[in-house]
Amino acid sequence: MVEKTTTVNLKTGLHARPAALFVQKANQFSSEIFVAKGDKKVNAKSIMGIMSLAVANGAEISISAEGSDAEDAVEALVEIVSKEEL
């Protein structure tokens, strides 16, 4: 299992279009991928799950993955939320 905690720098947070792009990227990997905020953990490949976290700019989230491409998956998703704009 690979896990990384990061701060969301996206100006709009992880809502609407950025959330869709995040989920689209997550679905490119075969690993099981999860995003956690506080005590809530959701499947990173689910748009409804990601939207339910209501991740705002400056929020701290944890991205974890397990599988053959877990490390690549976590790095790619951390890169997305680390940008100010997509």
PDB file of N, CA and C in Angstrom:
ATOM      1  N   MET A   1       0.852  -1.185   0.000  1.00  0.00           N
ATOM      2  CA  MET A   1       0.000   0.000   0.000  1.00  0.00           C
ATOM      3  C   MET A   1       0.889   1.237   0.000  1.00  0.00           C
ATOM      4  N   VAL A   2       0.554   2.158  -0.879  1.00  0.00           N
ATOM      5  CA  VAL A   2       1.251   3.438  -0.973  1.00  0.00           C
ATOM      6  C   VAL A   2       0.271   4.506  -0.516  1.00  0.00           C
ATOM      7  N   GLU A   3       0.725   5.414   0.341  1.00  0.00           N
ATOM      8  CA  GLU A   3      -0.154   6.472   0.837  1.00  0.00           C
ATOM      9  C   GLU A   3       0.620   7.772   0.925  1.00  0.00           C
ATOM     10  N   LYS A   4      -0.053   8.858   0.561  1.00  0.00           N
ATOM     11  CA  LYS A   4       0.578  10.169   0.640  1.00  0.00           C
ATOM     12  C   LYS A   4      -0.469  11.192   1.065  1.00  0.00           C
ATOM     13  N   THR A   5      -0.087  12.045   2.000  1.00  0.00           N
ATOM     14  CA  THR A   5      -0.953  13.129   2.447  1.00  0.00           C
ATOM     15  C   THR A   5      -0.485  14.407   1.775  1.00  0.00           C
ATOM     16  N   THR A   6      -1.439  15.179   1.279  1.00  0.00           N
ATOM     17  CA  THR A   6      -1.101  16.395   0.549  1.00  0.00           C
ATOM     18  C   THR A   6      -2.150  17.466   0.801  1.00  0.00           C
ATOM     19  N   THR A   7      -1.800  18.703   0.495  1.00  0.00           N
ATOM     20  CA  THR A   7      -2.728  19.821   0.597  1.00  0.00           C
ATOM     21  C   THR A   7      -3.249  20.149  -0.795  1.00  0.00           C
ATOM     22  N   VAL A   8      -4.540  20.357  -0.903  1.00  0.00           N
ATOM     23  CA  VAL A   8      -5.165  20.676  -2.188  1.00  0.00           C
ATOM     24  C   VAL A   8      -4.920  22.144  -2.512  1.00  0.00           C
ATOM     25  N   ASN A   9      -4.236  22.404  -3.627  1.00  0.00           N
ATOM     26  CA  ASN A   9      -3.932  23.771  -4.042  1.00  0.00           C
ATOM     27  C   ASN A   9      -4.865  24.294  -5.123  1.00  0.00           C
ATOM     28  N   LEU A  10      -5.732  23.435  -5.650  1.00  0.00           N
ATOM     29  CA  LEU A  10      -6.666  23.862  -6.691  1.00  0.00           C
ATOM     30  C   LEU A  10      -7.520  25.012  -6.168  1.00  0.00           C
ATOM     31  N   LYS A  11      -7.581  26.111  -6.925  1.00  0.00           N
ATOM     32  CA  LYS A  11      -8.325  27.293  -6.477  1.00  0.00           C
ATOM     33  C   LYS A  11      -9.779  26.982  -6.162  1.00  0.00           C
ATOM     34  N   THR A  12     -10.384  26.106  -6.950  1.00  0.00           N
ATOM     35  CA  THR A  12     -11.796  25.768  -6.740  1.00  0.00           C
ATOM     36  C   THR A  12     -11.977  24.538  -5.862  1.00  0.00           C
ATOM     37  N   GLY A  13     -10.884  23.963  -5.391  1.00  0.00           N
ATOM     38  CA  GLY A  13     -10.974  22.725  -4.635  1.00  0.00           C
ATOM     39  C   GLY A  13     -11.232  21.568  -5.584  1.00  0.00           C
ATOM     40  N   LEU A  14     -11.630  20.458  -5.052  1.00  0.00           N
ATOM     41  CA  LEU A  14     -11.861  19.258  -5.863  1.00  0.00           C
ATOM     42  C   LEU A  14     -13.360  19.126  -6.133  1.00  0.00           C
ATOM     43  N   HIS A  15     -13.888  20.070  -6.928  1.00  0.00           N
ATOM     44  CA  HIS A  15     -15.311  20.112  -7.251  1.00  0.00           C
ATOM     45  C   HIS A  15     -15.499  20.108  -8.758  1.00  0.00           C
ATOM     46  N   ALA A  16     -16.651  19.665  -9.215  1.00  0.00           N
ATOM     47  CA  ALA A  16     -17.084  19.700 -10.616  1.00  0.00           C
ATOM     48  C   ALA A  16     -16.013  19.228 -11.596  1.00  0.00           C
ATOM     49  N   ARG A  17     -15.498  20.137 -12.424  1.00  0.00           N
ATOM     50  CA  ARG A  17     -14.554  19.748 -13.474  1.00  0.00           C
ATOM     51  C   ARG A  17     -13.266  19.136 -12.910  1.00  0.00           C
ATOM     52  N   PRO A  18     -12.621  19.757 -11.914  1.00  0.00           N
ATOM     53  CA  PRO A  18     -11.410  19.130 -11.367  1.00  0.00           C
ATOM     54  C   PRO A  18     -11.683  17.733 -10.793  1.00  0.00           C
ATOM     55  N   ALA A  19     -12.837  17.550 -10.176  1.00  0.00           N
ATOM     56  CA  ALA A  19     -13.182  16.231  -9.630  1.00  0.00           C
ATOM     57  C   ALA A  19     -13.333  15.214 -10.753  1.00  0.00           C
ATOM     58  N   ALA A  20     -13.948  15.629 -11.851  1.00  0.00           N
ATOM     59  CA  ALA A  20     -14.129  14.732 -12.995  1.00  0.00           C
ATOM     60  C   ALA A  20     -12.782  14.336 -13.588  1.00  0.00           C
ATOM     61  N   LEU A  21     -11.871  15.295 -13.708  1.00  0.00           N
ATOM     62  CA  LEU A  21     -10.537  15.005 -14.238  1.00  0.00           C
ATOM     63  C   LEU A  21      -9.758  14.094 -13.289  1.00  0.00           C
ATOM     64  N   PHE A  22      -9.924  14.311 -11.989  1.00  0.00           N
ATOM     65  CA  PHE A  22      -9.270  13.487 -10.972  1.00  0.00           C
ATOM     66  C   PHE A  22      -9.741  12.032 -11.090  1.00  0.00           C
ATOM     67  N   VAL A  23     -11.053  11.842 -11.182  1.00  0.00           N
ATOM     68  CA  VAL A  23     -11.634  10.499 -11.292  1.00  0.00           C
ATOM     69  C   VAL A  23     -11.216   9.843 -12.609  1.00  0.00           C
ATOM     70  N   GLN A  24     -11.200  10.631 -13.674  1.00  0.00           N
ATOM     71  CA  GLN A  24     -10.779  10.117 -14.981  1.00  0.00           C
ATOM     72  C   GLN A  24      -9.340   9.596 -14.910  1.00  0.00           C
ATOM     73  N   LYS A  25      -8.463  10.351 -14.263  1.00  0.00           N
ATOM     74  CA  LYS A  25      -7.065   9.937 -14.105  1.00  0.00           C
ATOM     75  C   LYS A  25      -6.983   8.685 -13.229  1.00  0.00           C
ATOM     76  N   ALA A  26      -7.735   8.644 -12.145  1.00  0.00           N
ATOM     77  CA  ALA A  26      -7.722   7.483 -11.247  1.00  0.00           C
ATOM     78  C   ALA A  26      -8.140   6.215 -11.987  1.00  0.00           C
ATOM     79  N   ASN A  27      -9.084   6.347 -12.900  1.00  0.00           N
ATOM     80  CA  ASN A  27      -9.580   5.187 -13.645  1.00  0.00           C
ATOM     81  C   ASN A  27      -8.588   4.662 -14.672  1.00  0.00           C
ATOM     82  N   GLN A  28      -7.500   5.373 -14.898  1.00  0.00           N
ATOM     83  CA  GLN A  28      -6.465   4.913 -15.819  1.00  0.00           C
ATOM     84  C   GLN A  28      -5.554   3.870 -15.164  1.00  0.00           C
ATOM     85  N   PHE A  29      -5.698   3.684 -13.862  1.00  0.00           N
ATOM     86  CA  PHE A  29      -4.846   2.759 -13.118  1.00  0.00           C
ATOM     87  C   PHE A  29      -5.644   1.533 -12.683  1.00  0.00           C
ATOM     88  N   SER A  30      -4.954   0.405 -12.591  1.00  0.00           N
ATOM     89  CA  SER A  30      -5.630  -0.832 -12.189  1.00  0.00           C
ATOM     90  C   SER A  30      -5.714  -0.982 -10.670  1.00  0.00           C
ATOM     91  N   SER A  31      -4.897  -0.248  -9.940  1.00  0.00           N
ATOM     92  CA  SER A  31      -4.880  -0.334  -8.476  1.00  0.00           C
ATOM     93  C   SER A  31      -6.192   0.150  -7.869  1.00  0.00           C
ATOM     94  N   GLU A  32      -6.464  -0.321  -6.656  1.00  0.00           N
ATOM     95  CA  GLU A  32      -7.562   0.232  -5.868  1.00  0.00           C
ATOM     96  C   GLU A  32      -7.042   1.530  -5.274  1.00  0.00           C
ATOM     97  N   ILE A  33      -7.783   2.617  -5.450  1.00  0.00           N
ATOM     98  CA  ILE A  33      -7.321   3.931  -5.010  1.00  0.00           C
ATOM     99  C   ILE A  33      -8.400   4.569  -4.138  1.00  0.00           C
ATOM    100  N   PHE A  34      -7.961   5.154  -3.030  1.00  0.00           N
ATOM    101  CA  PHE A  34      -8.887   5.798  -2.108  1.00  0.00           C
ATOM    102  C   PHE A  34      -8.404   7.195  -1.745  1.00  0.00           C
ATOM    103  N   VAL A  35      -9.361   8.069  -1.439  1.00  0.00           N
ATOM    104  CA  VAL A  35      -9.060   9.411  -0.958  1.00  0.00           C
ATOM    105  C   VAL A  35      -9.742   9.555   0.392  1.00  0.00           C
ATOM    106  N   ALA A  36      -8.997  10.076   1.356  1.00  0.00           N
ATOM    107  CA  ALA A  36      -9.558  10.283   2.690  1.00  0.00           C
ATOM    108  C   ALA A  36      -9.422  11.745   3.088  1.00  0.00           C
ATOM    109  N   LYS A  37     -10.488  12.254   3.709  1.00  0.00           N
ATOM    110  CA  LYS A  37     -10.477  13.604   4.280  1.00  0.00           C
ATOM    111  C   LYS A  37     -11.135  13.474   5.643  1.00  0.00           C
ATOM    112  N   GLY A  38     -10.373  13.808   6.669  1.00  0.00           N
ATOM    113  CA  GLY A  38     -10.887  13.596   8.019  1.00  0.00           C
ATOM    114  C   GLY A  38     -11.089  12.110   8.256  1.00  0.00           C
ATOM    115  N   ASP A  39     -12.267  11.733   8.708  1.00  0.00           N
ATOM    116  CA  ASP A  39     -12.526  10.318   8.973  1.00  0.00           C
ATOM    117  C   ASP A  39     -13.330   9.654   7.854  1.00  0.00           C
ATOM    118  N   LYS A  40     -13.481  10.348   6.724  1.00  0.00           N
ATOM    119  CA  LYS A  40     -14.240   9.791   5.603  1.00  0.00           C
ATOM    120  C   LYS A  40     -13.294   9.351   4.493  1.00  0.00           C
ATOM    121  N   LYS A  41     -13.468   8.119   4.025  1.00  0.00           N
ATOM    122  CA  LYS A  41     -12.615   7.545   2.984  1.00  0.00           C
ATOM    123  C   LYS A  41     -13.501   7.067   1.841  1.00  0.00           C
ATOM    124  N   VAL A  42     -13.165   7.486   0.599  1.00  0.00           N
ATOM    125  CA  VAL A  42     -13.984   7.123  -0.561  1.00  0.00           C
ATOM    126  C   VAL A  42     -13.127   6.547  -1.686  1.00  0.00           C
ATOM    127  N   ASN A  43     -13.790   5.857  -2.593  1.00  0.00           N
ATOM    128  CA  ASN A  43     -13.140   5.310  -3.780  1.00  0.00           C
ATOM    129  C   ASN A  43     -12.793   6.472  -4.714  1.00  0.00           C
ATOM    130  N   ALA A  44     -11.522   6.594  -5.089  1.00  0.00           N
ATOM    131  CA  ALA A  44     -11.075   7.690  -5.949  1.00  0.00           C
ATOM    132  C   ALA A  44     -11.601   7.559  -7.370  1.00  0.00           C
ATOM    133  N   LYS A  45     -12.146   6.404  -7.715  1.00  0.00           N
ATOM    134  CA  LYS A  45     -12.665   6.186  -9.068  1.00  0.00           C
ATOM    135  C   LYS A  45     -14.157   6.500  -9.159  1.00  0.00           C
ATOM    136  N   SER A  46     -14.722   7.020  -8.081  1.00  0.00           N
ATOM    137  CA  SER A  46     -16.150   7.342  -8.018  1.00  0.00           C
ATOM    138  C   SER A  46     -16.355   8.850  -7.936  1.00  0.00           C
ATOM    139  N   ILE A  47     -16.985   9.429  -8.956  1.00  0.00           N
ATOM    140  CA  ILE A  47     -17.230  10.876  -8.952  1.00  0.00           C
ATOM    141  C   ILE A  47     -18.126  11.262  -7.771  1.00  0.00           C
ATOM    142  N   MET A  48     -19.115  10.438  -7.460  1.00  0.00           N
ATOM    143  CA  MET A  48     -20.000  10.750  -6.334  1.00  0.00           C
ATOM    144  C   MET A  48     -19.236  10.705  -5.007  1.00  0.00           C
ATOM    145  N   GLY A  49     -18.338   9.744  -4.885  1.00  0.00           N
ATOM    146  CA  GLY A  49     -17.531   9.654  -3.676  1.00  0.00           C
ATOM    147  C   GLY A  49     -16.650  10.877  -3.494  1.00  0.00           C
ATOM    148  N   ILE A  50     -15.961  11.259  -4.569  1.00  0.00           N
ATOM    149  CA  ILE A  50     -15.072  12.425  -4.505  1.00  0.00           C
ATOM    150  C   ILE A  50     -15.869  13.688  -4.189  1.00  0.00           C
ATOM    151  N   MET A  51     -17.009  13.873  -4.854  1.00  0.00           N
ATOM    152  CA  MET A  51     -17.833  15.064  -4.608  1.00  0.00           C
ATOM    153  C   MET A  51     -18.348  15.094  -3.165  1.00  0.00           C
ATOM    154  N   SER A  52     -18.625  13.928  -2.602  1.00  0.00           N
ATOM    155  CA  SER A  52     -19.162  13.870  -1.237  1.00  0.00           C
ATOM    156  C   SER A  52     -18.153  14.326  -0.185  1.00  0.00           C
ATOM    157  N   LEU A  53     -16.876  14.316  -0.529  1.00  0.00           N
ATOM    158  CA  LEU A  53     -15.856  14.775   0.422  1.00  0.00           C
ATOM    159  C   LEU A  53     -15.849  16.294   0.567  1.00  0.00           C
ATOM    160  N   ALA A  54     -16.378  17.011  -0.427  1.00  0.00           N
ATOM    161  CA  ALA A  54     -16.402  18.483  -0.422  1.00  0.00           C
ATOM    162  C   ALA A  54     -15.017  19.048  -0.108  1.00  0.00           C
ATOM    163  N   VAL A  55     -14.044  18.670  -0.926  1.00  0.00           N
ATOM    164  CA  VAL A  55     -12.656  19.082  -0.711  1.00  0.00           C
ATOM    165  C   VAL A  55     -12.443  20.500  -1.232  1.00  0.00           C
ATOM    166  N   ALA A  56     -12.138  21.420  -0.336  1.00  0.00           N
ATOM    167  CA  ALA A  56     -11.919  22.819  -0.693  1.00  0.00           C
ATOM    168  C   ALA A  56     -10.429  23.110  -0.837  1.00  0.00           C
ATOM    169  N   ASN A  57     -10.127  24.263  -1.401  1.00  0.00           N
ATOM    170  CA  ASN A  57      -8.745  24.723  -1.503  1.00  0.00           C
ATOM    171  C   ASN A  57      -8.153  24.783  -0.100  1.00  0.00           C
ATOM    172  N   GLY A  58      -6.948  24.269   0.055  1.00  0.00           N
ATOM    173  CA  GLY A  58      -6.264  24.291   1.341  1.00  0.00           C
ATOM    174  C   GLY A  58      -6.554  23.088   2.227  1.00  0.00           C
ATOM    175  N   ALA A  59      -7.476  22.239   1.806  1.00  0.00           N
ATOM    176  CA  ALA A  59      -7.813  21.049   2.599  1.00  0.00           C
ATOM    177  C   ALA A  59      -6.687  20.023   2.512  1.00  0.00           C
ATOM    178  N   GLU A  60      -6.523  19.275   3.572  1.00  0.00           N
ATOM    179  CA  GLU A  60      -5.525  18.207   3.586  1.00  0.00           C
ATOM    180  C   GLU A  60      -6.235  16.882   3.327  1.00  0.00           C
ATOM    181  N   ILE A  61      -5.744  16.152   2.323  1.00  0.00           N
ATOM    182  CA  ILE A  61      -6.327  14.851   1.989  1.00  0.00           C
ATOM    183  C   ILE A  61      -5.225  13.802   1.951  1.00  0.00           C
ATOM    184  N   SER A  62      -5.633  12.567   2.062  1.00  0.00           N
ATOM    185  CA  SER A  62      -4.707  11.450   1.970  1.00  0.00           C
ATOM    186  C   SER A  62      -5.137  10.587   0.787  1.00  0.00           C
ATOM    187  N   ILE A  63      -4.194  10.304  -0.109  1.00  0.00           N
ATOM    188  CA  ILE A  63      -4.462   9.459  -1.270  1.00  0.00           C
ATOM    189  C   ILE A  63      -3.700   8.159  -1.073  1.00  0.00           C
ATOM    190  N   SER A  64      -4.414   7.038  -1.144  1.00  0.00           N
ATOM    191  CA  SER A  64      -3.764   5.738  -0.967  1.00  0.00           C
ATOM    192  C   SER A  64      -4.158   4.802  -2.100  1.00  0.00           C
ATOM    193  N   ALA A  65      -3.260   3.883  -2.401  1.00  0.00           N
ATOM    194  CA  ALA A  65      -3.522   2.922  -3.471  1.00  0.00           C
ATOM    195  C   ALA A  65      -2.841   1.603  -3.159  1.00  0.00           C
ATOM    196  N   GLU A  66      -3.453   0.541  -3.659  1.00  0.00           N
ATOM    197  CA  GLU A  66      -2.861  -0.786  -3.514  1.00  0.00           C
ATOM    198  C   GLU A  66      -3.027  -1.526  -4.830  1.00  0.00           C
ATOM    199  N   GLY A  67      -1.896  -2.020  -5.343  1.00  0.00           N
ATOM    200  CA  GLY A  67      -1.917  -2.750  -6.604  1.00  0.00           C
ATOM    201  C   GLY A  67      -0.602  -2.584  -7.339  1.00  0.00           C
ATOM    202  N   SER A  68      -0.546  -3.118  -8.541  1.00  0.00           N
ATOM    203  CA  SER A  68       0.707  -3.137  -9.304  1.00  0.00           C
ATOM    204  C   SER A  68       1.199  -1.752  -9.710  1.00  0.00           C
ATOM    205  N   ASP A  69       0.287  -0.798  -9.899  1.00  0.00           N
ATOM    206  CA  ASP A  69       0.699   0.549 -10.302  1.00  0.00           C
ATOM    207  C   ASP A  69       0.349   1.592  -9.233  1.00  0.00           C
ATOM    208  N   ALA A  70       0.327   1.164  -7.987  1.00  0.00           N
ATOM    209  CA  ALA A  70      -0.084   2.026  -6.875  1.00  0.00           C
ATOM    210  C   ALA A  70       0.766   3.283  -6.746  1.00  0.00           C
ATOM    211  N   GLU A  71       2.080   3.129  -6.833  1.00  0.00           N
ATOM    212  CA  GLU A  71       2.955   4.288  -6.664  1.00  0.00           C
ATOM    213  C   GLU A  71       2.727   5.322  -7.763  1.00  0.00           C
ATOM    214  N   ASP A  72       2.619   4.865  -9.003  1.00  0.00           N
ATOM    215  CA  ASP A  72       2.360   5.774 -10.123  1.00  0.00           C
ATOM    216  C   ASP A  72       1.009   6.463  -9.959  1.00  0.00           C
ATOM    217  N   ALA A  73       0.015   5.722  -9.497  1.00  0.00           N
ATOM    218  CA  ALA A  73      -1.326   6.271  -9.313  1.00  0.00           C
ATOM    219  C   ALA A  73      -1.326   7.388  -8.279  1.00  0.00           C
ATOM    220  N   VAL A  74      -0.722   7.136  -7.135  1.00  0.00           N
ATOM    221  CA  VAL A  74      -0.687   8.140  -6.066  1.00  0.00           C
ATOM    222  C   VAL A  74       0.056   9.387  -6.535  1.00  0.00           C
ATOM    223  N   GLU A  75       1.196   9.209  -7.182  1.00  0.00           N
ATOM    224  CA  GLU A  75       1.970  10.359  -7.667  1.00  0.00           C
ATOM    225  C   GLU A  75       1.174  11.187  -8.675  1.00  0.00           C
ATOM    226  N   ALA A  76       0.492  10.525  -9.604  1.00  0.00           N
ATOM    227  CA  ALA A  76      -0.285  11.230 -10.628  1.00  0.00           C
ATOM    228  C   ALA A  76      -1.431  12.027 -10.009  1.00  0.00           C
ATOM    229  N   LEU A  77      -2.091  11.460  -9.015  1.00  0.00           N
ATOM    230  CA  LEU A  77      -3.224  12.136  -8.393  1.00  0.00           C
ATOM    231  C   LEU A  77      -2.778  13.262  -7.466  1.00  0.00           C
ATOM    232  N   VAL A  78      -1.661  13.077  -6.782  1.00  0.00           N
ATOM    233  CA  VAL A  78      -1.108  14.154  -5.956  1.00  0.00           C
ATOM    234  C   VAL A  78      -0.725  15.332  -6.851  1.00  0.00           C
ATOM    235  N   GLU A  79      -0.182  15.028  -8.017  1.00  0.00           N
ATOM    236  CA  GLU A  79       0.204  16.082  -8.965  1.00  0.00           C
ATOM    237  C   GLU A  79      -1.014  16.913  -9.382  1.00  0.00           C
ATOM    238  N   ILE A  80      -2.140  16.263  -9.610  1.00  0.00           N
ATOM    239  CA  ILE A  80      -3.358  16.984 -10.010  1.00  0.00           C
ATOM    240  C   ILE A  80      -3.800  17.964  -8.929  1.00  0.00           C
ATOM    241  N   VAL A  81      -3.904  17.509  -7.683  1.00  0.00           N
ATOM    242  CA  VAL A  81      -4.417  18.390  -6.621  1.00  0.00           C
ATOM    243  C   VAL A  81      -3.387  19.415  -6.158  1.00  0.00           C
ATOM    244  N   SER A  82      -2.127  19.234  -6.533  1.00  0.00           N
ATOM    245  CA  SER A  82      -1.079  20.174  -6.142  1.00  0.00           C
ATOM    246  C   SER A  82      -1.052  21.419  -7.027  1.00  0.00           C
ATOM    247  N   LYS A  83      -1.674  21.329  -8.205  1.00  0.00           N
ATOM    248  CA  LYS A  83      -1.711  22.474  -9.120  1.00  0.00           C
ATOM    249  C   LYS A  83      -2.744  23.486  -8.638  1.00  0.00           C
ATOM    250  N   GLU A  84      -2.556  24.756  -9.055  1.00  0.00           N
ATOM    251  CA  GLU A  84      -3.553  25.772  -8.717  1.00  0.00           C
ATOM    252  C   GLU A  84      -4.734  25.716  -9.668  1.00  0.00           C
ATOM    253  N   GLU A  85      -4.458  25.356 -10.927  1.00  0.00           N
ATOM    254  CA  GLU A  85      -5.517  25.267 -11.935  1.00  0.00           C
ATOM    255  C   GLU A  85      -5.274  24.062 -12.818  1.00  0.00           C
ATOM    256  N   LEU A  86      -6.338  23.531 -13.394  1.00  0.00           N
ATOM    257  CA  LEU A  86      -6.223  22.419 -14.342  1.00  0.00           C
ATOM    258  C   LEU A  86      -6.536  22.904 -15.740  1.00  0.00           C
TER     259      LEU A  86
END
